[in-house]
Amino acid sequence: MNENTEVFVHRVTCNGSKVAERKVLYLFITVAGSNKAFYVYEGAIITVIFEK
């Protein structure tokens, strides 16, 4: 990974029919060209590895 690597942050939300009413469950982070994703849960960083 270097400064040109694309990192994507996905905000997973629920509860509410309008954007202002929704609550963020967690930020799900993916990196271009990687089979790993990350999310923060109760102070820990959880790593998810996708098998191809």
N, C-alpha and C. Protein backbone atom coordinates (compact mmCIF):
# COMPACT_ATOMS: atom_id res chain seq x y z
N MET A 1 0.84 -1.17 0.00
CA MET A 1 0.00 0.00 0.00
C MET A 1 0.89 1.24 0.00
N ASN A 2 0.52 2.22 -0.80
CA ASN A 2 1.27 3.47 -0.84
C ASN A 2 0.29 4.64 -0.90
N GLU A 3 0.80 5.84 -1.07
CA GLU A 3 -0.05 7.03 -1.05
C GLU A 3 -1.03 7.09 -2.21
N ASN A 4 -0.83 6.29 -3.26
CA ASN A 4 -1.73 6.27 -4.41
C ASN A 4 -2.79 5.17 -4.32
N THR A 5 -2.76 4.36 -3.27
CA THR A 5 -3.73 3.29 -3.10
C THR A 5 -5.09 3.87 -2.73
N GLU A 6 -6.13 3.37 -3.40
CA GLU A 6 -7.48 3.85 -3.12
C GLU A 6 -8.03 3.12 -1.89
N VAL A 7 -8.51 3.90 -0.95
CA VAL A 7 -9.14 3.36 0.25
C VAL A 7 -10.59 3.85 0.24
N PHE A 8 -11.52 2.94 0.47
CA PHE A 8 -12.94 3.27 0.43
C PHE A 8 -13.55 3.09 1.81
N VAL A 9 -14.30 4.08 2.26
CA VAL A 9 -14.98 4.01 3.56
C VAL A 9 -16.48 3.97 3.29
N HIS A 10 -17.11 2.89 3.70
CA HIS A 10 -18.54 2.68 3.50
C HIS A 10 -19.24 2.89 4.83
N ARG A 11 -20.23 3.75 4.87
CA ARG A 11 -21.00 3.97 6.09
C ARG A 11 -22.25 3.10 6.04
N VAL A 12 -22.30 2.12 6.88
CA VAL A 12 -23.45 1.23 6.94
C VAL A 12 -24.43 1.81 7.94
N THR A 13 -25.66 2.10 7.48
CA THR A 13 -26.65 2.74 8.33
C THR A 13 -27.95 1.94 8.33
N CYS A 14 -28.78 2.24 9.30
CA CYS A 14 -30.12 1.64 9.33
C CYS A 14 -31.02 2.52 10.20
N ASN A 15 -32.24 2.07 10.39
CA ASN A 15 -33.22 2.76 11.25
C ASN A 15 -33.54 4.16 10.74
N GLY A 16 -34.66 4.30 10.14
CA GLY A 16 -35.11 5.61 9.69
C GLY A 16 -35.31 5.65 8.20
N SER A 17 -36.33 6.33 7.79
CA SER A 17 -36.63 6.43 6.37
C SER A 17 -35.94 7.62 5.72
N LYS A 18 -35.49 8.59 6.53
CA LYS A 18 -34.78 9.75 6.01
C LYS A 18 -33.33 9.69 6.45
N VAL A 19 -32.46 10.27 5.66
CA VAL A 19 -31.02 10.23 5.96
C VAL A 19 -30.73 10.80 7.34
N ALA A 20 -31.38 11.88 7.72
CA ALA A 20 -31.13 12.52 9.01
C ALA A 20 -31.51 11.63 10.19
N GLU A 21 -32.43 10.69 9.98
CA GLU A 21 -32.89 9.81 11.05
C GLU A 21 -32.03 8.57 11.22
N ARG A 22 -31.21 8.26 10.23
CA ARG A 22 -30.44 7.02 10.26
C ARG A 22 -29.28 7.11 11.22
N LYS A 23 -28.92 5.98 11.78
CA LYS A 23 -27.78 5.90 12.69
C LYS A 23 -26.69 5.07 12.04
N VAL A 24 -25.46 5.49 12.21
CA VAL A 24 -24.34 4.75 11.65
C VAL A 24 -24.08 3.52 12.52
N LEU A 25 -24.11 2.36 11.90
CA LEU A 25 -23.79 1.14 12.63
C LEU A 25 -22.28 1.00 12.75
N TYR A 26 -21.59 1.11 11.62
CA TYR A 26 -20.14 1.04 11.64
C TYR A 26 -19.59 1.52 10.31
N LEU A 27 -18.34 1.88 10.32
CA LEU A 27 -17.63 2.22 9.09
C LEU A 27 -16.94 0.95 8.60
N PHE A 28 -17.19 0.61 7.36
CA PHE A 28 -16.62 -0.58 6.75
C PHE A 28 -15.58 -0.09 5.75
N ILE A 29 -14.33 -0.49 5.90
CA ILE A 29 -13.23 0.05 5.10
C ILE A 29 -12.68 -1.04 4.18
N THR A 30 -12.59 -0.72 2.89
CA THR A 30 -11.99 -1.63 1.92
C THR A 30 -10.86 -0.91 1.20
N VAL A 31 -9.94 -1.69 0.64
CA VAL A 31 -8.78 -1.16 -0.05
C VAL A 31 -8.74 -1.77 -1.45
N ALA A 32 -8.55 -0.94 -2.47
CA ALA A 32 -8.49 -1.42 -3.85
C ALA A 32 -7.38 -2.46 -4.01
N GLY A 33 -7.72 -3.57 -4.67
CA GLY A 33 -6.73 -4.60 -4.94
C GLY A 33 -6.44 -5.52 -3.77
N SER A 34 -7.21 -5.42 -2.70
CA SER A 34 -6.99 -6.25 -1.52
C SER A 34 -8.20 -7.14 -1.28
N ASN A 35 -7.96 -8.27 -0.64
CA ASN A 35 -9.08 -9.14 -0.28
C ASN A 35 -9.44 -8.98 1.19
N LYS A 36 -9.01 -7.88 1.80
CA LYS A 36 -9.29 -7.62 3.21
C LYS A 36 -10.17 -6.39 3.35
N ALA A 37 -10.98 -6.43 4.40
CA ALA A 37 -11.80 -5.28 4.78
C ALA A 37 -11.68 -5.13 6.29
N PHE A 38 -12.00 -3.94 6.77
CA PHE A 38 -11.83 -3.64 8.19
C PHE A 38 -13.04 -2.88 8.70
N TYR A 39 -13.40 -3.12 9.96
CA TYR A 39 -14.36 -2.25 10.61
C TYR A 39 -14.05 -2.17 12.10
N VAL A 40 -14.45 -1.04 12.66
CA VAL A 40 -14.20 -0.80 14.08
C VAL A 40 -15.44 -1.21 14.85
N TYR A 41 -15.25 -2.03 15.88
CA TYR A 41 -16.36 -2.48 16.70
C TYR A 41 -15.96 -2.44 18.16
N GLU A 42 -16.61 -1.59 18.92
CA GLU A 42 -16.36 -1.44 20.35
C GLU A 42 -14.88 -1.29 20.68
N GLY A 43 -14.20 -0.43 19.93
CA GLY A 43 -12.80 -0.12 20.19
C GLY A 43 -11.79 -1.07 19.58
N ALA A 44 -12.25 -2.11 18.90
CA ALA A 44 -11.34 -3.06 18.25
C ALA A 44 -11.46 -2.93 16.74
N ILE A 45 -10.38 -3.23 16.04
CA ILE A 45 -10.42 -3.24 14.57
C ILE A 45 -10.57 -4.69 14.14
N ILE A 46 -11.67 -4.98 13.48
CA ILE A 46 -11.98 -6.32 13.01
C ILE A 46 -11.53 -6.44 11.56
N THR A 47 -10.78 -7.48 11.24
CA THR A 47 -10.31 -7.72 9.87
C THR A 47 -11.13 -8.85 9.26
N VAL A 48 -11.66 -8.60 8.07
CA VAL A 48 -12.42 -9.61 7.33
C VAL A 48 -11.61 -9.95 6.09
N ILE A 49 -11.36 -11.23 5.86
CA ILE A 49 -10.60 -11.67 4.69
C ILE A 49 -11.55 -12.43 3.76
N PHE A 50 -11.63 -11.96 2.53
CA PHE A 50 -12.48 -12.57 1.52
C PHE A 50 -11.68 -13.60 0.74
N GLU A 51 -12.18 -14.81 0.67
CA GLU A 51 -11.52 -15.84 -0.12
C GLU A 51 -11.98 -15.73 -1.56
N LYS A 52 -11.05 -15.87 -2.48
CA LYS A 52 -11.39 -15.76 -3.91
C LYS A 52 -11.67 -17.10 -4.50
